[in-house]
Amino acid sequence: MRELSTGPGRVLVAVYAVFAVAATGRSLVQLGTDAGRAPLAYSLSLLAAVLYLVATTCLLRGGEVARRVALVTVLVEATGVLVVGTLSYLVSDWFPDKTVWSHYGQGYGFLPLVLPFLGLWWLWASRRSADAQTT
């Protein structure tokens, strides 16, 4: 099985790590300074930060269990950014400030929208590569 943190996985690990730090910092500042303004939005940003941290850890760790946890994490992340991105347009009162997933990650150059799909692609491609090597 191809290790998750090799080749393109290294770049993915780096991007996930940066997002983990950025989303954690931003959500903690928002929750700490004005939690009452948008508690749902800020809490969802903190959830995104935790998911980025778990994905980073799993991609670094590698192995079958880490691959499965990463898959679930990235699927939740993809669902989150799509749901929150849509809601931030439909119910803008819930998202008065920019958060990591609001407007599909517009404040982060739409990378939060692209990142989970890159993660899913890498999990699939690295699995396929491993399967091809064993046959």
Protein backbone atom coordinates (compact mmCIF):
# COMPACT_ATOMS: atom_id res chain seq x y z
CA MET A 1 0.00 0.00 0.00
CA ARG A 2 1.39 3.39 -0.95
CA GLU A 3 1.99 5.63 2.05
CA LEU A 4 -0.39 8.56 2.25
CA SER A 5 2.31 11.16 2.92
CA THR A 6 4.47 10.38 -0.12
CA GLY A 7 4.47 12.13 -3.50
CA PRO A 8 1.44 14.43 -3.87
CA GLY A 9 0.42 13.36 -0.36
CA ARG A 10 3.21 15.55 1.05
CA VAL A 11 1.67 18.64 -0.47
CA LEU A 12 -1.76 17.57 0.76
CA VAL A 13 -0.41 17.07 4.30
CA ALA A 14 1.15 20.54 4.20
CA VAL A 15 -2.06 22.19 3.00
CA TYR A 16 -4.15 20.36 5.59
CA ALA A 17 -1.69 21.41 8.32
CA VAL A 18 -1.87 25.06 7.26
CA PHE A 19 -5.67 24.91 7.21
CA ALA A 20 -5.71 23.24 10.63
CA VAL A 21 -3.69 26.10 12.11
CA ALA A 22 -5.57 28.85 10.23
CA ALA A 23 -9.06 27.52 10.98
CA THR A 24 -8.20 26.82 14.62
CA GLY A 25 -6.81 30.31 15.13
CA ARG A 26 -9.62 32.09 13.38
CA SER A 27 -12.42 30.12 15.03
CA LEU A 28 -10.92 30.46 18.52
CA VAL A 29 -10.51 34.21 18.07
CA GLN A 30 -14.07 34.52 16.78
CA LEU A 31 -15.49 32.36 19.58
CA GLY A 32 -13.36 34.10 22.20
CA THR A 33 -14.09 37.67 21.19
CA ASP A 34 -17.70 37.61 20.01
CA ALA A 35 -19.24 34.14 20.27
CA GLY A 36 -22.75 35.56 20.52
CA ARG A 37 -22.53 37.18 17.09
CA ALA A 38 -22.55 33.90 15.15
CA PRO A 39 -22.17 30.90 17.47
CA LEU A 40 -23.22 28.35 14.85
CA ALA A 41 -20.87 29.69 12.20
CA TYR A 42 -17.91 29.97 14.57
CA SER A 43 -18.55 26.52 16.01
CA LEU A 44 -18.66 25.04 12.52
CA SER A 45 -15.31 26.68 11.82
CA LEU A 46 -13.92 24.99 14.90
CA LEU A 47 -15.32 21.68 13.65
CA ALA A 48 -13.58 22.31 10.32
CA ALA A 49 -10.33 22.95 12.20
CA VAL A 50 -10.66 19.64 14.07
CA LEU A 51 -11.36 17.80 10.81
CA TYR A 52 -8.30 19.39 9.19
CA LEU A 53 -6.19 18.32 12.17
CA VAL A 54 -7.50 14.73 12.03
CA ALA A 55 -6.93 14.57 8.26
CA THR A 56 -3.37 15.90 8.67
CA THR A 57 -2.62 13.32 11.36
CA CYS A 58 -4.09 10.43 9.37
CA LEU A 59 -2.24 11.38 6.19
CA LEU A 60 1.02 11.56 8.14
CA ARG A 61 0.43 8.34 10.05
CA GLY A 62 -0.60 6.17 7.12
CA GLY A 63 -1.77 2.59 7.38
CA GLU A 64 -5.17 1.03 6.90
CA VAL A 65 -6.88 2.45 10.00
CA ALA A 66 -5.59 5.94 9.29
CA ARG A 67 -6.77 5.63 5.69
CA ARG A 68 -10.29 4.72 6.84
CA VAL A 69 -10.41 7.54 9.40
CA ALA A 70 -9.10 9.96 6.77
CA LEU A 71 -11.80 8.84 4.34
CA VAL A 72 -14.59 9.47 6.85
CA THR A 73 -13.02 12.77 7.90
CA VAL A 74 -12.69 14.04 4.34
CA LEU A 75 -16.24 12.95 3.48
CA VAL A 76 -17.55 14.89 6.51
CA GLU A 77 -15.40 17.85 5.47
CA ALA A 78 -16.78 17.77 1.90
CA THR A 79 -20.34 17.57 3.20
CA GLY A 80 -19.67 20.40 5.64
CA VAL A 81 -18.28 22.81 3.09
CA LEU A 82 -21.11 22.08 0.65
CA VAL A 83 -23.86 22.41 3.28
CA VAL A 84 -22.38 25.45 5.04
CA GLY A 85 -21.46 27.07 1.73
CA THR A 86 -25.03 26.72 0.51
CA LEU A 87 -26.58 27.83 3.80
CA SER A 88 -24.34 30.88 3.95
CA TYR A 89 -26.02 32.11 0.76
CA LEU A 90 -29.55 30.99 1.63
CA VAL A 91 -29.61 32.02 5.30
CA SER A 92 -26.97 34.74 5.44
CA ASP A 93 -28.07 35.84 8.94
CA TRP A 94 -26.54 32.62 10.30
CA PHE A 95 -23.17 33.57 8.81
CA PRO A 96 -22.67 37.32 9.39
CA ASP A 97 -18.88 36.93 9.33
CA LYS A 98 -16.65 34.95 7.04
CA THR A 99 -15.76 31.50 8.28
CA VAL A 100 -13.67 28.74 6.77
CA TRP A 101 -16.64 27.04 5.05
CA SER A 102 -18.98 30.00 4.47
CA HIS A 103 -19.48 30.93 0.85
CA TYR A 104 -17.67 27.71 -0.04
CA GLY A 105 -14.44 28.98 1.49
CA GLN A 106 -14.34 32.23 -0.47
CA GLY A 107 -12.26 33.90 2.26
CA TYR A 108 -9.63 31.21 1.75
CA GLY A 109 -9.57 31.34 -2.04
CA PHE A 110 -12.15 28.51 -2.33
CA LEU A 111 -9.48 26.04 -1.20
CA PRO A 112 -11.83 24.63 1.49
CA LEU A 113 -14.13 23.61 -1.37
CA VAL A 114 -11.37 21.98 -3.39
CA LEU A 115 -9.36 20.42 -0.55
CA PRO A 116 -11.69 17.57 0.44
CA PHE A 117 -12.04 16.49 -3.17
CA LEU A 118 -8.27 16.50 -3.57
CA GLY A 119 -8.12 14.44 -0.37
CA LEU A 120 -10.65 11.95 -1.71
CA TRP A 121 -8.77 11.74 -4.99
CA TRP A 122 -5.48 11.07 -3.17
CA LEU A 123 -7.01 8.42 -0.94
CA TRP A 124 -8.42 6.72 -4.04
CA ALA A 125 -5.28 7.13 -6.18
CA SER A 126 -2.89 5.94 -3.49
CA ARG A 127 -5.13 2.93 -2.79
CA ARG A 128 -5.33 2.12 -6.50
CA SER A 129 -1.56 2.42 -6.80
CA ALA A 130 -1.14 0.00 -3.90
CA ASP A 131 -3.63 -2.45 -5.40
CA ALA A 132 -1.80 -2.37 -8.75
CA GLN A 133 1.51 -3.14 -7.06
CA THR A 134 0.12 -6.20 -5.27
CA THR A 135 -1.31 -7.84 -8.41
